[in-house]
Amino acid sequence: MPAYTTPPSEEDIHALAEAALAAVPERLSQHVKGVAILVENLADEATLEEMGIANAWELTGLYSGIPLTQRSVSDPVAFPETIFLYREAILVEWIETGEDLGRLVASVLVHEIAHHFGFSDAEIERIEAEMS
């Protein structure tokens, strides 16, 4: 991972997310090929209100769509499914924890992919262990 002398940009976070996605086991990544990954600085007020979150820096990522476990083959897809990564919240966590930024972005991405599949916390931990 590069050493940053300025805060990583949205493009930097997106590149880390793409690298993390490439490391996701194929049995999962094949099912998220149509899911967009967008990096924004922070979640907007409407999203925070909908999620019941008062502090924007507490939300590092969000899956927007209907999880596979709740979908019917006859359901139309109303909006493209999207994983949002919130750059400033990720950077705050990075600074507070000292975690490797690439590993942190991968963890947020995996958690949001897990929401796509409706996975449990134990299943998420297994996926992250496979990626390490």
Protein backbone atom coordinates (compact mmCIF):
# COMPACT_ATOMS: atom_id res chain seq x y z
CA MET A 1 0.00 0.00 0.00
CA PRO A 2 1.33 3.46 -0.77
CA ALA A 3 2.45 5.75 2.05
CA TYR A 4 0.11 8.73 1.99
CA THR A 5 1.38 12.25 2.66
CA THR A 6 -2.11 13.68 2.18
CA PRO A 7 -5.46 12.06 2.98
CA PRO A 8 -6.29 9.34 0.44
CA SER A 9 -8.75 10.58 -2.19
CA GLU A 10 -12.02 9.01 -3.25
CA GLU A 11 -10.11 7.50 -6.19
CA ASP A 12 -7.54 6.00 -3.78
CA ILE A 13 -10.31 4.42 -1.68
CA HIS A 14 -11.99 3.11 -4.84
CA ALA A 15 -8.70 1.54 -6.00
CA LEU A 16 -8.33 -0.16 -2.60
CA ALA A 17 -11.93 -1.41 -2.87
CA GLU A 18 -11.29 -2.82 -6.35
CA ALA A 19 -8.19 -4.63 -5.05
CA ALA A 20 -10.22 -5.99 -2.14
CA LEU A 21 -12.98 -7.12 -4.50
CA ALA A 22 -10.40 -9.00 -6.55
CA ALA A 23 -9.45 -10.90 -3.36
CA VAL A 24 -13.04 -11.92 -2.53
CA PRO A 25 -13.50 -15.66 -3.10
CA GLU A 26 -14.84 -16.38 -6.60
CA ARG A 27 -17.89 -18.22 -5.25
CA LEU A 28 -19.03 -14.84 -3.90
CA SER A 29 -17.57 -12.32 -6.31
CA GLN A 30 -19.38 -13.92 -9.25
CA HIS A 31 -22.67 -12.86 -7.63
CA VAL A 32 -21.72 -9.20 -7.14
CA LYS A 33 -20.49 -8.44 -10.64
CA GLY A 34 -23.43 -6.13 -11.32
CA VAL A 35 -23.18 -4.30 -8.00
CA ALA A 36 -21.66 -0.83 -8.31
CA ILE A 37 -19.06 0.41 -5.83
CA LEU A 38 -19.25 4.14 -5.21
CA VAL A 39 -17.04 6.17 -2.91
CA GLU A 40 -18.48 9.32 -1.39
CA ASN A 41 -17.04 11.58 1.28
CA LEU A 42 -19.86 11.08 3.79
CA ALA A 43 -23.38 9.71 3.85
CA ASP A 44 -26.03 12.33 3.14
CA GLU A 45 -28.55 13.52 5.72
CA ALA A 46 -31.42 11.49 4.23
CA THR A 47 -29.39 8.27 4.44
CA LEU A 48 -28.32 8.99 8.02
CA GLU A 49 -31.89 9.75 9.03
CA GLU A 50 -33.18 6.58 7.35
CA MET A 51 -30.51 4.51 9.14
CA GLY A 52 -31.12 6.24 12.48
CA ILE A 53 -27.50 7.39 12.67
CA ALA A 54 -26.76 10.81 14.17
CA ASN A 55 -23.03 11.02 13.38
CA ALA A 56 -21.99 10.67 9.73
CA TRP A 57 -18.52 9.48 10.77
CA GLU A 58 -20.06 6.32 12.24
CA LEU A 59 -21.20 4.99 8.84
CA THR A 60 -18.28 3.64 6.81
CA GLY A 61 -20.29 1.76 4.21
CA LEU A 62 -23.78 0.93 3.03
CA TYR A 63 -25.32 -1.69 0.76
CA SER A 64 -28.26 -0.28 -1.18
CA GLY A 65 -30.48 -2.86 -2.80
CA ILE A 66 -32.55 -5.94 -2.06
CA PRO A 67 -30.48 -8.74 -0.48
CA LEU A 68 -30.43 -11.96 -2.50
CA THR A 69 -32.13 -13.76 0.39
CA GLN A 70 -35.16 -11.45 0.11
CA ARG A 71 -35.45 -11.39 -3.66
CA SER A 72 -37.79 -13.24 -5.96
CA VAL A 73 -36.86 -14.09 -9.54
CA SER A 74 -40.00 -12.26 -10.62
CA ASP A 75 -39.03 -9.04 -8.78
CA PRO A 76 -37.88 -6.28 -11.09
CA VAL A 77 -34.69 -4.51 -10.08
CA ALA A 78 -35.87 -0.94 -9.48
CA PHE A 79 -32.46 0.63 -8.95
CA PRO A 80 -28.94 -0.61 -9.52
CA GLU A 81 -27.55 -2.28 -6.43
CA THR A 82 -24.76 -0.24 -4.97
CA ILE A 83 -22.17 -0.49 -2.25
CA PHE A 84 -21.31 2.94 -0.89
CA LEU A 85 -17.99 3.46 0.86
CA TYR A 86 -17.79 6.65 2.89
CA ARG A 87 -14.25 7.99 2.62
CA GLU A 88 -14.14 10.39 5.57
CA ALA A 89 -15.68 7.86 7.98
CA ILE A 90 -13.20 5.22 6.79
CA LEU A 91 -10.31 7.64 7.24
CA VAL A 92 -11.45 8.53 10.77
CA GLU A 93 -11.56 4.82 11.67
CA TRP A 94 -8.15 4.33 10.02
CA ILE A 95 -6.65 7.10 12.14
CA GLU A 96 -8.37 5.95 15.35
CA THR A 97 -7.49 2.26 15.01
CA GLY A 98 -4.17 2.33 13.15
CA GLU A 99 -5.50 -0.51 10.98
CA ASP A 100 -3.92 -0.99 7.56
CA LEU A 101 -6.06 1.13 5.21
CA GLY A 102 -6.31 -1.58 2.56
CA ARG A 103 -7.44 -4.12 5.14
CA LEU A 104 -9.97 -1.64 6.57
CA VAL A 105 -11.46 -0.88 3.15
CA ALA A 106 -11.61 -4.63 2.45
CA SER A 107 -13.41 -5.23 5.74
CA VAL A 108 -16.02 -2.54 5.01
CA LEU A 109 -16.48 -3.89 1.48
CA VAL A 110 -16.89 -7.49 2.69
CA HIS A 111 -19.46 -6.41 5.28
CA GLU A 112 -21.47 -4.62 2.61
CA ILE A 113 -21.21 -7.59 0.23
CA ALA A 114 -22.42 -9.75 3.12
CA HIS A 115 -25.53 -7.57 3.35
CA HIS A 116 -26.11 -8.32 -0.34
CA PHE A 117 -26.13 -12.04 0.55
CA GLY A 118 -27.83 -11.71 3.95
CA PHE A 119 -24.85 -13.37 5.72
CA SER A 120 -24.36 -13.74 9.46
CA ASP A 121 -21.42 -12.24 11.37
CA ALA A 122 -19.79 -15.70 11.58
CA GLU A 123 -19.99 -16.08 7.79
CA ILE A 124 -18.45 -12.61 7.36
CA GLU A 125 -15.56 -13.56 9.64
CA ARG A 126 -14.91 -16.71 7.57
CA ILE A 127 -14.80 -14.70 4.34
CA GLU A 128 -12.41 -12.16 5.83
CA ALA A 129 -10.17 -15.00 7.08
CA GLU A 130 -10.06 -16.45 3.54
CA MET A 131 -8.95 -13.06 2.21
CA SER A 132 -6.09 -12.64 4.71
